[in-house]
C-alpha atoms as a PDB file:
ATOM      1  CA  UNK A   1    -238.867  46.848-132.509  1.00  0.00           C
ATOM      2  CA  UNK A   2    -236.272  44.480-131.414  1.00  0.00           C
ATOM      3  CA  UNK A   3    -233.378  46.713-133.072  1.00  0.00           C
ATOM      4  CA  UNK A   4    -234.705  50.142-131.517  1.00  0.00           C
ATOM      5  CA  UNK A   5    -232.081  50.566-128.730  1.00  0.00           C
ATOM      6  CA  UNK A   6    -229.272  49.941-131.766  1.00  0.00           C
ATOM      7  CA  UNK A   7    -231.172  52.417-133.521  1.00  0.00           C
ATOM      8  CA  UNK A   8    -230.789  54.786-130.422  1.00  0.00           C
ATOM      9  CA  UNK A   9    -227.071  54.023-130.231  1.00  0.00           C
ATOM     10  CA  UNK A  10    -226.416  54.722-133.738  1.00  0.00           C
ATOM     11  CA  UNK A  11    -227.798  57.850-133.233  1.00  0.00           C
ATOM     12  CA  UNK A  12    -226.127  58.928-130.300  1.00  0.00           C
ATOM     13  CA  UNK A  13    -222.635  57.644-132.287  1.00  0.00           C
ATOM     14  CA  UNK A  14    -223.351  60.885-134.801  1.00  0.00           C
ATOM     15  CA  UNK A  15    -225.577  58.721-137.329  1.00  0.00           C
ATOM     16  CA  UNK A  16    -228.505  60.486-139.267  1.00  0.00           C
ATOM     17  CA  UNK A  17    -231.616  59.012-139.475  1.00  0.00           C
ATOM     18  CA  UNK A  18    -233.095  58.194-143.035  1.00  0.00           C
ATOM     19  CA  UNK A  19    -236.763  56.849-142.629  1.00  0.00           C
ATOM     20  CA  UNK A  20    -238.752  55.523-145.729  1.00  0.00           C
ATOM     21  CA  UNK A  21    -242.736  55.243-145.770  1.00  0.00           C
ATOM     22  CA  UNK A  22    -244.208  54.506-142.624  1.00  0.00           C
ATOM     23  CA  UNK A  23    -240.908  54.243-140.695  1.00  0.00           C
ATOM     24  CA  UNK A  24    -241.258  58.327-140.791  1.00  0.00           C
ATOM     25  CA  UNK A  25    -244.329  57.970-138.311  1.00  0.00           C
ATOM     26  CA  UNK A  26    -242.610  55.127-136.363  1.00  0.00           C
ATOM     27  CA  UNK A  27    -239.379  57.270-135.833  1.00  0.00           C
ATOM     28  CA  UNK A  28    -241.906  60.360-134.399  1.00  0.00           C
ATOM     29  CA  UNK A  29    -244.064  58.027-132.568  1.00  0.00           C
ATOM     30  CA  UNK A  30    -240.754  56.920-130.376  1.00  0.00           C
ATOM     31  CA  UNK A  31    -239.098  60.284-130.333  1.00  0.00           C
ATOM     32  CA  UNK A  32    -236.815  59.760-132.871  1.00  0.00           C
ATOM     33  CA  UNK A  33    -236.202  62.613-135.364  1.00  0.00           C
ATOM     34  CA  UNK A  34    -235.820  61.605-138.772  1.00  0.00           C
ATOM     35  CA  UNK A  35    -233.371  63.567-140.803  1.00  0.00           C
ATOM     36  CA  UNK A  36    -234.886  62.734-143.762  1.00  0.00           C
ATOM     37  CA  UNK A  37    -237.710  60.945-145.225  1.00  0.00           C
ATOM     38  CA  UNK A  38    -237.441  59.267-148.744  1.00  0.00           C
ATOM     39  CA  UNK A  39    -240.757  57.969-150.788  1.00  0.00           C
ATOM     40  CA  UNK A  40    -240.942  56.127-154.003  1.00  0.00           C
ATOM     41  CA  UNK A  41    -244.176  54.665-154.253  1.00  0.00           C
ATOM     42  CA  UNK A  42    -246.811  57.014-156.481  1.00  0.00           C
ATOM     43  CA  UNK A  43    -250.246  55.710-154.890  1.00  0.00           C
ATOM     44  CA  UNK A  44    -252.250  58.097-153.540  1.00  0.00           C
ATOM     45  CA  UNK A  45    -252.795  56.479-149.902  1.00  0.00           C
ATOM     46  CA  UNK A  46    -249.118  56.568-149.268  1.00  0.00           C
ATOM     47  CA  UNK A  47    -249.494  60.290-148.853  1.00  0.00           C
ATOM     48  CA  UNK A  48    -250.631  59.802-145.378  1.00  0.00           C
ATOM     49  CA  UNK A  49    -246.712  58.515-144.529  1.00  0.00           C
ATOM     50  CA  UNK A  50    -245.918  62.227-144.674  1.00  0.00           C
ATOM     51  CA  UNK A  51    -249.025  64.151-142.876  1.00  0.00           C
ATOM     52  CA  UNK A  52    -246.902  64.913-139.624  1.00  0.00           C
ATOM     53  CA  UNK A  53    -244.448  67.635-140.528  1.00  0.00           C
ATOM     54  CA  UNK A  54    -240.499  67.349-138.854  1.00  0.00           C
ATOM     55  CA  UNK A  55    -238.906  70.825-138.542  1.00  0.00           C
ATOM     56  CA  UNK A  56    -235.322  70.390-140.096  1.00  0.00           C
ATOM     57  CA  UNK A  57    -236.140  67.092-142.091  1.00  0.00           C
ATOM     58  CA  UNK A  58    -235.849  67.019-145.825  1.00  0.00           C
ATOM     59  CA  UNK A  59    -237.935  65.101-147.806  1.00  0.00           C
ATOM     60  CA  UNK A  60    -236.622  63.354-150.718  1.00  0.00           C
ATOM     61  CA  UNK A  61    -239.905  62.339-153.087  1.00  0.00           C
ATOM     62  CA  UNK A  62    -239.453  60.582-156.156  1.00  0.00           C
ATOM     63  CA  UNK A  63    -241.032  62.184-159.189  1.00  0.00           C
ATOM     64  CA  UNK A  64    -243.571  59.663-159.759  1.00  0.00           C
ATOM     65  CA  UNK A  65    -245.143  60.344-155.758  1.00  0.00           C
ATOM     66  CA  UNK A  66    -248.801  61.398-155.963  1.00  0.00           C
ATOM     67  CA  UNK A  67    -249.809  64.964-156.269  1.00  0.00           C
ATOM     68  CA  UNK A  68    -251.367  64.719-152.894  1.00  0.00           C
ATOM     69  CA  UNK A  69    -247.885  63.799-151.027  1.00  0.00           C
ATOM     70  CA  UNK A  70    -246.081  67.103-152.684  1.00  0.00           C
ATOM     71  CA  UNK A  71    -249.177  69.042-151.498  1.00  0.00           C
ATOM     72  CA  UNK A  72    -248.499  67.815-147.968  1.00  0.00           C
ATOM     73  CA  UNK A  73    -245.016  68.702-148.324  1.00  0.00           C
ATOM     74  CA  UNK A  74    -246.132  72.151-149.393  1.00  0.00           C
ATOM     75  CA  UNK A  75    -243.515  74.646-147.782  1.00  0.00           C
ATOM     76  CA  UNK A  76    -241.330  71.844-146.197  1.00  0.00           C
ATOM     77  CA  UNK A  77    -237.414  71.179-147.538  1.00  0.00           C
ATOM     78  CA  UNK A  78    -238.449  69.191-150.606  1.00  0.00           C
ATOM     79  CA  UNK A  79    -235.983  67.364-152.989  1.00  0.00           C
ATOM     80  CA  UNK A  80    -237.292  65.525-156.069  1.00  0.00           C
ATOM     81  CA  UNK A  81    -235.240  62.519-157.227  1.00  0.00           C
ATOM     82  CA  UNK A  82    -235.914  60.101-160.029  1.00  0.00           C
ATOM     83  CA  UNK A  83    -235.893  56.209-160.040  1.00  0.00           C
ATOM     84  CA  UNK A  84    -236.079  55.838-163.908  1.00  0.00           C
ATOM     85  CA  UNK A  85    -237.622  52.716-163.810  1.00  0.00           C
ATOM     86  CA  UNK A  86    -238.238  53.135-167.471  1.00  0.00           C
ATOM     87  CA  UNK A  87    -234.992  53.041-168.722  1.00  0.00           C
ATOM     88  CA  UNK A  88    -232.797  54.786-171.151  1.00  0.00           C
ATOM     89  CA  UNK A  89    -235.825  56.462-172.761  1.00  0.00           C
ATOM     90  CA  UNK A  90    -236.708  58.100-169.569  1.00  0.00           C
ATOM     91  CA  UNK A  91    -233.082  59.096-168.383  1.00  0.00           C
ATOM     92  CA  UNK A  92    -232.578  60.999-172.030  1.00  0.00           C
ATOM     93  CA  UNK A  93    -236.248  62.682-171.387  1.00  0.00           C
ATOM     94  CA  UNK A  94    -235.162  63.851-167.874  1.00  0.00           C
ATOM     95  CA  UNK A  95    -231.701  64.868-169.391  1.00  0.00           C
ATOM     96  CA  UNK A  96    -233.232  67.036-172.040  1.00  0.00           C
ATOM     97  CA  UNK A  97    -235.686  68.652-169.144  1.00  0.00           C
ATOM     98  CA  UNK A  98    -232.572  69.255-166.759  1.00  0.00           C
ATOM     99  CA  UNK A  99    -230.558  70.653-169.560  1.00  0.00           C
ATOM    100  CA  UNK A 100    -228.063  67.585-168.788  1.00  0.00           C
ATOM    101  CA  UNK A 101    -228.222  68.266-165.069  1.00  0.00           C
ATOM    102  CA  UNK A 102    -229.558  65.046-163.614  1.00  0.00           C
ATOM    103  CA  UNK A 103    -228.409  62.017-161.791  1.00  0.00           C
ATOM    104  CA  UNK A 104    -230.835  59.114-162.091  1.00  0.00           C
ATOM    105  CA  UNK A 105    -230.608  57.258-158.926  1.00  0.00           C
ATOM    106  CA  UNK A 106    -229.828  53.491-160.897  1.00  0.00           C
ATOM    107  CA  UNK A 107    -231.757  50.370-160.308  1.00  0.00           C
ATOM    108  CA  UNK A 108    -231.792  47.725-159.307  1.00  0.00           C
ATOM    109  CA  UNK A 109    -234.670  47.750-156.606  1.00  0.00           C
ATOM    110  CA  UNK A 110    -238.365  47.670-156.991  1.00  0.00           C
ATOM    111  CA  UNK A 111    -238.990  49.051-152.868  1.00  0.00           C
ATOM    112  CA  UNK A 112    -237.933  52.119-151.389  1.00  0.00           C
ATOM    113  CA  UNK A 113    -235.830  50.238-148.859  1.00  0.00           C
ATOM    114  CA  UNK A 114    -233.585  49.129-151.535  1.00  0.00           C
ATOM    115  CA  UNK A 115    -233.425  52.264-153.738  1.00  0.00           C
ATOM    116  CA  UNK A 116    -232.776  54.239-150.534  1.00  0.00           C
ATOM    117  CA  UNK A 117    -229.448  52.508-150.226  1.00  0.00           C
ATOM    118  CA  UNK A 118    -227.977  54.151-153.457  1.00  0.00           C
ATOM    119  CA  UNK A 119    -229.770  57.600-153.097  1.00  0.00           C
ATOM    120  CA  UNK A 120    -228.002  57.734-149.832  1.00  0.00           C
ATOM    121  CA  UNK A 121    -224.740  56.775-151.247  1.00  0.00           C
ATOM    122  CA  UNK A 122    -224.860  59.536-154.041  1.00  0.00           C
ATOM    123  CA  UNK A 123    -225.421  62.122-151.134  1.00  0.00           C
ATOM    124  CA  UNK A 124    -222.040  60.892-149.634  1.00  0.00           C
ATOM    125  CA  UNK A 125    -222.936  58.403-146.811  1.00  0.00           C
ATOM    126  CA  UNK A 126    -220.891  55.346-147.174  1.00  0.00           C
ATOM    127  CA  UNK A 127    -221.234  53.669-144.226  1.00  0.00           C
ATOM    128  CA  UNK A 128    -225.189  52.468-143.896  1.00  0.00           C
ATOM    129  CA  UNK A 129    -226.880  50.949-141.122  1.00  0.00           C
ATOM    130  CA  UNK A 130    -230.327  49.485-141.739  1.00  0.00           C
ATOM    131  CA  UNK A 131    -233.084  48.825-138.974  1.00  0.00           C
ATOM    132  CA  UNK A 132    -236.398  47.142-139.857  1.00  0.00           C
ATOM    133  CA  UNK A 133    -235.359  46.288-143.341  1.00  0.00           C
ATOM    134  CA  UNK A 134    -235.848  42.727-142.800  1.00  0.00           C
ATOM    135  CA  UNK A 135    -237.713  41.414-146.324  1.00  0.00           C
ATOM    136  CA  UNK A 136    -239.715  38.743-144.263  1.00  0.00           C
ATOM    137  CA  UNK A 137    -242.287  38.345-141.894  1.00  0.00           C
ATOM    138  CA  UNK A 138    -241.266  38.418-138.313  1.00  0.00           C
ATOM    139  CA  UNK A 139    -243.865  37.690-135.409  1.00  0.00           C
ATOM    140  CA  UNK A 140    -246.240  37.066-137.932  1.00  0.00           C
ATOM    141  CA  UNK A 141    -246.089  40.619-139.190  1.00  0.00           C
ATOM    142  CA  UNK A 142    -245.299  42.201-142.585  1.00  0.00           C
ATOM    143  CA  UNK A 143    -244.293  45.447-140.842  1.00  0.00           C
ATOM    144  CA  UNK A 144    -243.527  46.799-137.480  1.00  0.00           C
ATOM    145  CA  UNK A 145    -246.328  49.446-137.921  1.00  0.00           C
ATOM    146  CA  UNK A 146    -249.999  49.087-139.245  1.00  0.00           C
ATOM    147  CA  UNK A 147    -249.830  48.851-143.305  1.00  0.00           C
ATOM    148  CA  UNK A 148    -253.436  47.425-143.907  1.00  0.00           C
ATOM    149  CA  UNK A 149    -252.851  47.209-147.515  1.00  0.00           C
ATOM    150  CA  UNK A 150    -250.537  44.095-146.891  1.00  0.00           C
ATOM    151  CA  UNK A 151    -252.782  42.467-144.574  1.00  0.00           C
ATOM    152  CA  UNK A 152    -254.123  39.977-147.234  1.00  0.00           C
ATOM    153  CA  UNK A 153    -250.748  38.629-147.865  1.00  0.00           C
ATOM    154  CA  UNK A 154    -250.542  36.213-145.004  1.00  0.00           C
ATOM    155  CA  UNK A 155    -252.169  33.641-147.620  1.00  0.00           C
ATOM    156  CA  UNK A 156    -249.523  34.071-150.138  1.00  0.00           C
ATOM    157  CA  UNK A 157    -246.473  33.595-148.217  1.00  0.00           C
ATOM    158  CA  UNK A 158    -243.958  31.278-148.962  1.00  0.00           C
ATOM    159  CA  UNK A 159    -240.749  29.533-146.986  1.00  0.00           C
ATOM    160  CA  UNK A 160    -237.660  30.767-148.371  1.00  0.00           C
ATOM    161  CA  UNK A 161    -234.222  28.942-147.321  1.00  0.00           C
ATOM    162  CA  UNK A 162    -230.654  30.513-146.920  1.00  0.00           C
ATOM    163  CA  UNK A 163    -228.247  27.393-147.509  1.00  0.00           C
ATOM    164  CA  UNK A 164    -224.476  28.427-147.360  1.00  0.00           C
ATOM    165  CA  UNK A 165    -222.692  26.470-149.721  1.00  0.00           C
ATOM    166  CA  UNK A 166    -221.732  23.100-148.576  1.00  0.00           C
ATOM    167  CA  UNK A 167    -223.260  23.643-145.372  1.00  0.00           C
ATOM    168  CA  UNK A 168    -226.866  22.259-145.200  1.00  0.00           C
ATOM    169  CA  UNK A 169    -226.783  22.280-141.463  1.00  0.00           C
ATOM    170  CA  UNK A 170    -226.599  26.010-141.368  1.00  0.00           C
ATOM    171  CA  UNK A 171    -229.749  26.448-143.481  1.00  0.00           C
ATOM    172  CA  UNK A 172    -232.060  28.753-142.247  1.00  0.00           C
ATOM    173  CA  UNK A 173    -235.788  29.601-143.281  1.00  0.00           C
ATOM    174  CA  UNK A 174    -237.855  32.487-143.650  1.00  0.00           C
ATOM    175  CA  UNK A 175    -241.463  33.277-144.372  1.00  0.00           C
ATOM    176  CA  UNK A 176    -241.815  35.760-147.132  1.00  0.00           C
ATOM    177  CA  UNK A 177    -244.401  37.764-149.083  1.00  0.00           C
ATOM    178  CA  UNK A 178    -243.823  37.779-152.846  1.00  0.00           C
ATOM    179  CA  UNK A 179    -242.601  41.112-152.558  1.00  0.00           C
ATOM    180  CA  UNK A 180    -240.388  40.314-149.926  1.00  0.00           C
ATOM    181  CA  UNK A 181    -238.546  37.705-152.221  1.00  0.00           C
ATOM    182  CA  UNK A 182    -238.367  40.084-154.953  1.00  0.00           C
ATOM    183  CA  UNK A 183    -237.055  42.654-152.619  1.00  0.00           C
ATOM    184  CA  UNK A 184    -233.950  40.381-151.378  1.00  0.00           C
ATOM    185  CA  UNK A 185    -233.311  39.439-154.816  1.00  0.00           C
ATOM    186  CA  UNK A 186    -232.753  43.088-155.449  1.00  0.00           C
ATOM    187  CA  UNK A 187    -230.705  43.494-152.436  1.00  0.00           C
ATOM    188  CA  UNK A 188    -228.404  40.728-153.277  1.00  0.00           C
ATOM    189  CA  UNK A 189    -228.264  42.149-156.762  1.00  0.00           C
ATOM    190  CA  UNK A 190    -227.256  45.826-155.685  1.00  0.00           C
ATOM    191  CA  UNK A 191    -224.512  44.630-153.447  1.00  0.00           C
ATOM    192  CA  UNK A 192    -223.014  42.499-156.497  1.00  0.00           C
ATOM    193  CA  UNK A 193    -223.208  45.411-158.541  1.00  0.00           C
ATOM    194  CA  UNK A 194    -222.170  48.353-156.215  1.00  0.00           C
ATOM    195  CA  UNK A 195    -221.197  46.517-153.183  1.00  0.00           C
ATOM    196  CA  UNK A 196    -217.656  48.078-153.254  1.00  0.00           C
ATOM    197  CA  UNK A 197    -218.918  51.733-153.036  1.00  0.00           C
ATOM    198  CA  UNK A 198    -220.565  51.307-149.606  1.00  0.00           C
ATOM    199  CA  UNK A 199    -220.643  49.538-146.025  1.00  0.00           C
ATOM    200  CA  UNK A 200    -223.881  48.087-145.263  1.00  0.00           C
ATOM    201  CA  UNK A 201    -224.810  46.675-141.990  1.00  0.00           C
ATOM    202  CA  UNK A 202    -228.515  45.136-141.548  1.00  0.00           C
ATOM    203  CA  UNK A 203    -229.564  45.044-137.846  1.00  0.00           C
ATOM    204  CA  UNK A 204    -231.717  42.069-136.949  1.00  0.00           C
ATOM    205  CA  UNK A 205    -232.882  38.635-137.217  1.00  0.00           C
ATOM    206  CA  UNK A 206    -234.353  39.212-140.881  1.00  0.00           C
ATOM    207  CA  UNK A 207    -233.636  37.677-144.110  1.00  0.00           C
ATOM    208  CA  UNK A 208    -231.222  40.821-145.248  1.00  0.00           C
ATOM    209  CA  UNK A 209    -229.278  40.443-142.527  1.00  0.00           C
ATOM    210  CA  UNK A 210    -228.943  36.667-142.556  1.00  0.00           C
ATOM    211  CA  UNK A 211    -228.148  37.292-146.413  1.00  0.00           C
ATOM    212  CA  UNK A 212    -225.201  39.496-145.175  1.00  0.00           C
ATOM    213  CA  UNK A 213    -224.157  37.552-142.449  1.00  0.00           C
ATOM    214  CA  UNK A 214    -223.913  34.104-144.594  1.00  0.00           C
ATOM    215  CA  UNK A 215    -223.442  35.152-147.924  1.00  0.00           C
ATOM    216  CA  UNK A 216    -225.957  32.149-148.763  1.00  0.00           C
ATOM    217  CA  UNK A 217    -228.233  32.110-151.583  1.00  0.00           C
ATOM    218  CA  UNK A 218    -231.671  32.407-151.786  1.00  0.00           C
ATOM    219  CA  UNK A 219    -233.940  29.471-152.477  1.00  0.00           C
ATOM    220  CA  UNK A 220    -237.812  28.844-152.431  1.00  0.00           C
ATOM    221  CA  UNK A 221    -238.800  25.809-150.885  1.00  0.00           C
ATOM    222  CA  UNK A 222    -239.652  23.077-152.694  1.00  0.00           C
ATOM    223  CA  UNK A 223    -243.278  21.680-153.337  1.00  0.00           C
END
């Protein structure tokens, strides 16, 4: 919500919108046309994210997505991508199935937000702006849109600190669910492993934007 104007400006500047999960419907409701919709999660209830068709949008569905998701996208421009979370055995199986013509989207990344970054880079996008990829609670909300499956996480939140080296006076704290913390760790690992291959600019006041701005390490609050 806080970066909507920046997102619109990025579109006016020629950017393409890659929307993940519920951000796809959020864009539609805010008169923003996604060029691409990306899904990773294999649970059936996530199929609701693709219920509204958008002409001209390409749907990048992970091979592990539920059959209902693929059924809802029947007749649309669909491409399958492979997260290859199973490691080398899964990669070898895919190479055999596709006669060597497969290109797995590499880890790290346990969420679609992080996995979408190397996926976009593989498709040729070198400059990536992220909006809403905060990896923390903001205004007592875990997502900017309704996602009731996460509503029970309030009691499991923990305070996470970013402390720049030798600058305790610049420390910042964020409230995070466990998956927020894991996503942030995966994000930092991705930057360390492949950060020279793309430029990334997270917008907003969330945890991932603070990591990029400060270069600080994550620390869980001590009891």
